[in-house]
Amino acid sequence: MGDIIKNKYFWIAVLLGLIIGDVIGVSLARPQQDVFDSANASTSPYMVIVTDQMAGDMVMVDEVKTDVSSWLAVRENNGELLGRILGARRVDPGIAKGVSVELLRATTANLMYAVVMYQDNGDGEFDNKTDILINDFDTPVMSRFIAR
């Protein structure tokens, strides 16, 4: 076993396997689609569903449910940390399907992003410092996707 690990061909094969896996879309680090990070989504007044989609300057949210005037913000996803906001769109209370969010900066293929829900503070303008991140069951209401 020790000789295998020291063998340069072993490491070349491992590296090629990782590269090929990335090219065909197989990733060990990719989490399962988290439709909603809540223990009981059916009774929650909040929900965001987004699926993997083509990279570009718009993100399509499959479905959103909210009981307050809210904002959907598309954010970079750096592991467990949320990164820069690429764009946002206000949504009215209720259930909406096929909601598009135009981005100020396009998504990049093979990177992960998150659609995160914020409660509008009443001024009708998105500001992630004054609009409150919506939590449900102590978990931010969000859904992650990979741009292809």
Protein backbone atom coordinates (compact mmCIF):
# COMPACT_ATOMS: atom_id res chain seq x y z
CA MET A 1 0.00 0.00 0.00
CA GLY A 2 2.80 2.44 0.86
CA ASP A 3 4.45 1.82 -2.53
CA ILE A 4 1.22 2.69 -4.34
CA ILE A 5 0.93 6.06 -2.60
CA LYS A 6 4.55 6.90 -3.46
CA ASN A 7 4.03 5.95 -7.12
CA LYS A 8 3.70 9.04 -9.33
CA TYR A 9 1.36 7.19 -11.71
CA PHE A 10 -1.07 6.66 -8.84
CA TRP A 11 -1.27 10.41 -8.24
CA ILE A 12 -1.57 11.14 -11.97
CA ALA A 13 -4.52 8.71 -12.14
CA VAL A 14 -6.16 10.35 -9.09
CA LEU A 15 -5.71 13.82 -10.57
CA LEU A 16 -7.09 12.75 -13.96
CA GLY A 17 -10.07 11.15 -12.25
CA LEU A 18 -10.87 14.38 -10.42
CA ILE A 19 -10.51 16.46 -13.59
CA ILE A 20 -12.66 14.10 -15.65
CA GLY A 21 -15.26 13.97 -12.88
CA ASP A 22 -15.45 17.76 -12.84
CA VAL A 23 -15.80 17.94 -16.62
CA ILE A 24 -18.73 15.49 -16.69
CA GLY A 25 -20.35 17.11 -13.67
CA VAL A 26 -19.55 14.60 -10.94
CA SER A 27 -18.45 16.19 -7.69
CA LEU A 28 -17.86 14.69 -4.29
CA ALA A 29 -18.21 18.07 -2.57
CA ARG A 30 -21.58 18.98 -4.10
CA PRO A 31 -24.38 18.86 -1.56
CA GLN A 32 -27.75 17.45 -2.43
CA GLN A 33 -30.23 20.03 -3.65
CA ASP A 34 -31.41 21.81 -0.53
CA VAL A 35 -34.89 22.79 -1.56
CA PHE A 36 -35.50 24.27 1.87
CA ASP A 37 -33.32 24.25 4.94
CA SER A 38 -36.21 23.74 7.33
CA ALA A 39 -37.29 20.76 9.37
CA ASN A 40 -40.91 21.11 8.24
CA ALA A 41 -41.28 23.04 4.98
CA SER A 42 -44.97 22.17 4.53
CA THR A 43 -46.03 24.28 7.52
CA SER A 44 -43.55 27.10 6.97
CA PRO A 45 -44.69 30.46 5.59
CA TYR A 46 -41.37 30.70 3.70
CA MET A 47 -39.83 28.62 0.93
CA VAL A 48 -37.38 29.05 -1.95
CA ILE A 49 -36.81 26.39 -4.62
CA VAL A 50 -34.13 26.76 -7.26
CA THR A 51 -32.44 24.11 -9.40
CA ASP A 52 -29.15 23.93 -11.27
CA GLN A 53 -29.22 26.09 -14.39
CA MET A 54 -27.10 27.60 -17.14
CA ALA A 55 -24.62 30.31 -16.15
CA GLY A 56 -25.65 33.79 -17.19
CA ASP A 57 -26.97 37.18 -16.13
CA MET A 58 -30.32 35.88 -14.84
CA VAL A 59 -31.36 33.24 -12.29
CA MET A 60 -34.72 31.48 -12.51
CA VAL A 61 -36.30 30.67 -9.14
CA ASP A 62 -38.65 27.71 -9.55
CA GLU A 63 -40.94 28.61 -6.65
CA VAL A 64 -41.06 31.05 -3.76
CA LYS A 65 -43.48 31.29 -0.84
CA THR A 66 -43.57 34.16 1.65
CA ASP A 67 -46.10 35.84 3.91
CA VAL A 68 -44.34 39.24 3.88
CA SER A 69 -42.92 41.55 1.21
CA SER A 70 -39.52 39.97 0.59
CA TRP A 71 -36.37 40.09 -1.50
CA LEU A 72 -34.71 37.17 -3.25
CA ALA A 73 -30.96 37.81 -3.38
CA VAL A 74 -28.61 35.69 -5.49
CA ARG A 75 -25.34 35.28 -3.62
CA GLU A 76 -22.04 33.60 -4.28
CA ASN A 77 -21.65 30.48 -2.15
CA ASN A 78 -18.16 29.88 -0.77
CA GLY A 79 -18.44 26.59 1.07
CA GLU A 80 -20.63 27.30 4.07
CA LEU A 81 -20.20 31.08 3.70
CA LEU A 82 -22.39 33.33 1.61
CA GLY A 83 -20.42 35.69 -0.60
CA ARG A 84 -21.17 38.76 -2.68
CA ILE A 85 -24.70 39.58 -3.79
CA LEU A 86 -25.06 39.40 -7.58
CA GLY A 87 -28.63 40.63 -7.86
CA ALA A 88 -31.97 40.85 -6.06
CA ARG A 89 -35.68 40.99 -6.82
CA ARG A 90 -38.66 41.91 -4.64
CA VAL A 91 -41.53 39.44 -4.29
CA ASP A 92 -44.98 40.07 -2.87
CA PRO A 93 -46.59 37.86 -0.22
CA GLY A 94 -47.98 34.60 -1.56
CA ILE A 95 -46.70 31.82 -3.79
CA ALA A 96 -45.00 32.58 -7.10
CA LYS A 97 -43.48 30.25 -9.70
CA GLY A 98 -40.89 30.99 -12.36
CA VAL A 99 -39.51 34.16 -10.78
CA SER A 100 -36.52 35.61 -12.64
CA VAL A 101 -33.79 37.56 -10.86
CA GLU A 102 -31.65 39.79 -13.08
CA LEU A 103 -28.01 39.94 -12.01
CA LEU A 104 -25.57 42.83 -11.98
CA ARG A 105 -22.79 40.29 -12.47
CA ALA A 106 -23.28 36.97 -14.28
CA THR A 107 -22.88 33.58 -12.67
CA THR A 108 -19.92 31.42 -13.69
CA ALA A 109 -20.20 27.82 -14.88
CA ASN A 110 -19.37 25.11 -12.31
CA LEU A 111 -19.69 27.43 -9.30
CA MET A 112 -22.31 27.20 -6.55
CA TYR A 113 -24.68 30.03 -5.69
CA ALA A 114 -27.52 30.57 -3.22
CA VAL A 115 -30.88 32.32 -3.50
CA VAL A 116 -31.50 33.84 -0.07
CA MET A 117 -34.70 35.46 1.24
CA TYR A 118 -34.73 38.84 3.03
CA GLN A 119 -37.70 40.70 4.54
CA ASP A 120 -38.18 44.15 3.03
CA ASN A 121 -37.89 46.87 5.68
CA GLY A 122 -40.74 48.83 4.08
CA ASP A 123 -38.79 51.22 1.85
CA GLY A 124 -39.07 49.07 -1.30
CA GLU A 125 -35.29 49.18 -1.87
CA PHE A 126 -32.99 46.21 -1.32
CA ASP A 127 -30.25 46.75 1.25
CA ASN A 128 -28.72 43.68 2.86
CA LYS A 129 -27.75 45.79 5.88
CA THR A 130 -31.29 46.97 6.67
CA ASP A 131 -33.47 44.27 5.09
CA ILE A 132 -33.55 41.34 7.50
CA LEU A 133 -32.41 37.85 6.53
CA ILE A 134 -35.46 35.60 6.97
CA ASN A 135 -34.89 32.60 9.21
CA ASP A 136 -37.27 29.71 9.68
CA PHE A 137 -36.62 27.16 12.41
CA ASP A 138 -33.38 29.14 13.13
CA THR A 139 -32.12 28.48 9.59
CA PRO A 140 -31.85 31.04 6.76
CA VAL A 141 -34.48 30.51 4.07
CA MET A 142 -32.40 29.72 1.00
CA SER A 143 -31.76 27.28 -1.80
CA ARG A 144 -28.44 26.49 -3.48
CA PHE A 145 -27.74 25.72 -7.13
CA ILE A 146 -24.82 25.19 -9.47
CA ALA A 147 -24.44 27.24 -12.63
CA ARG A 148 -23.68 24.97 -15.61
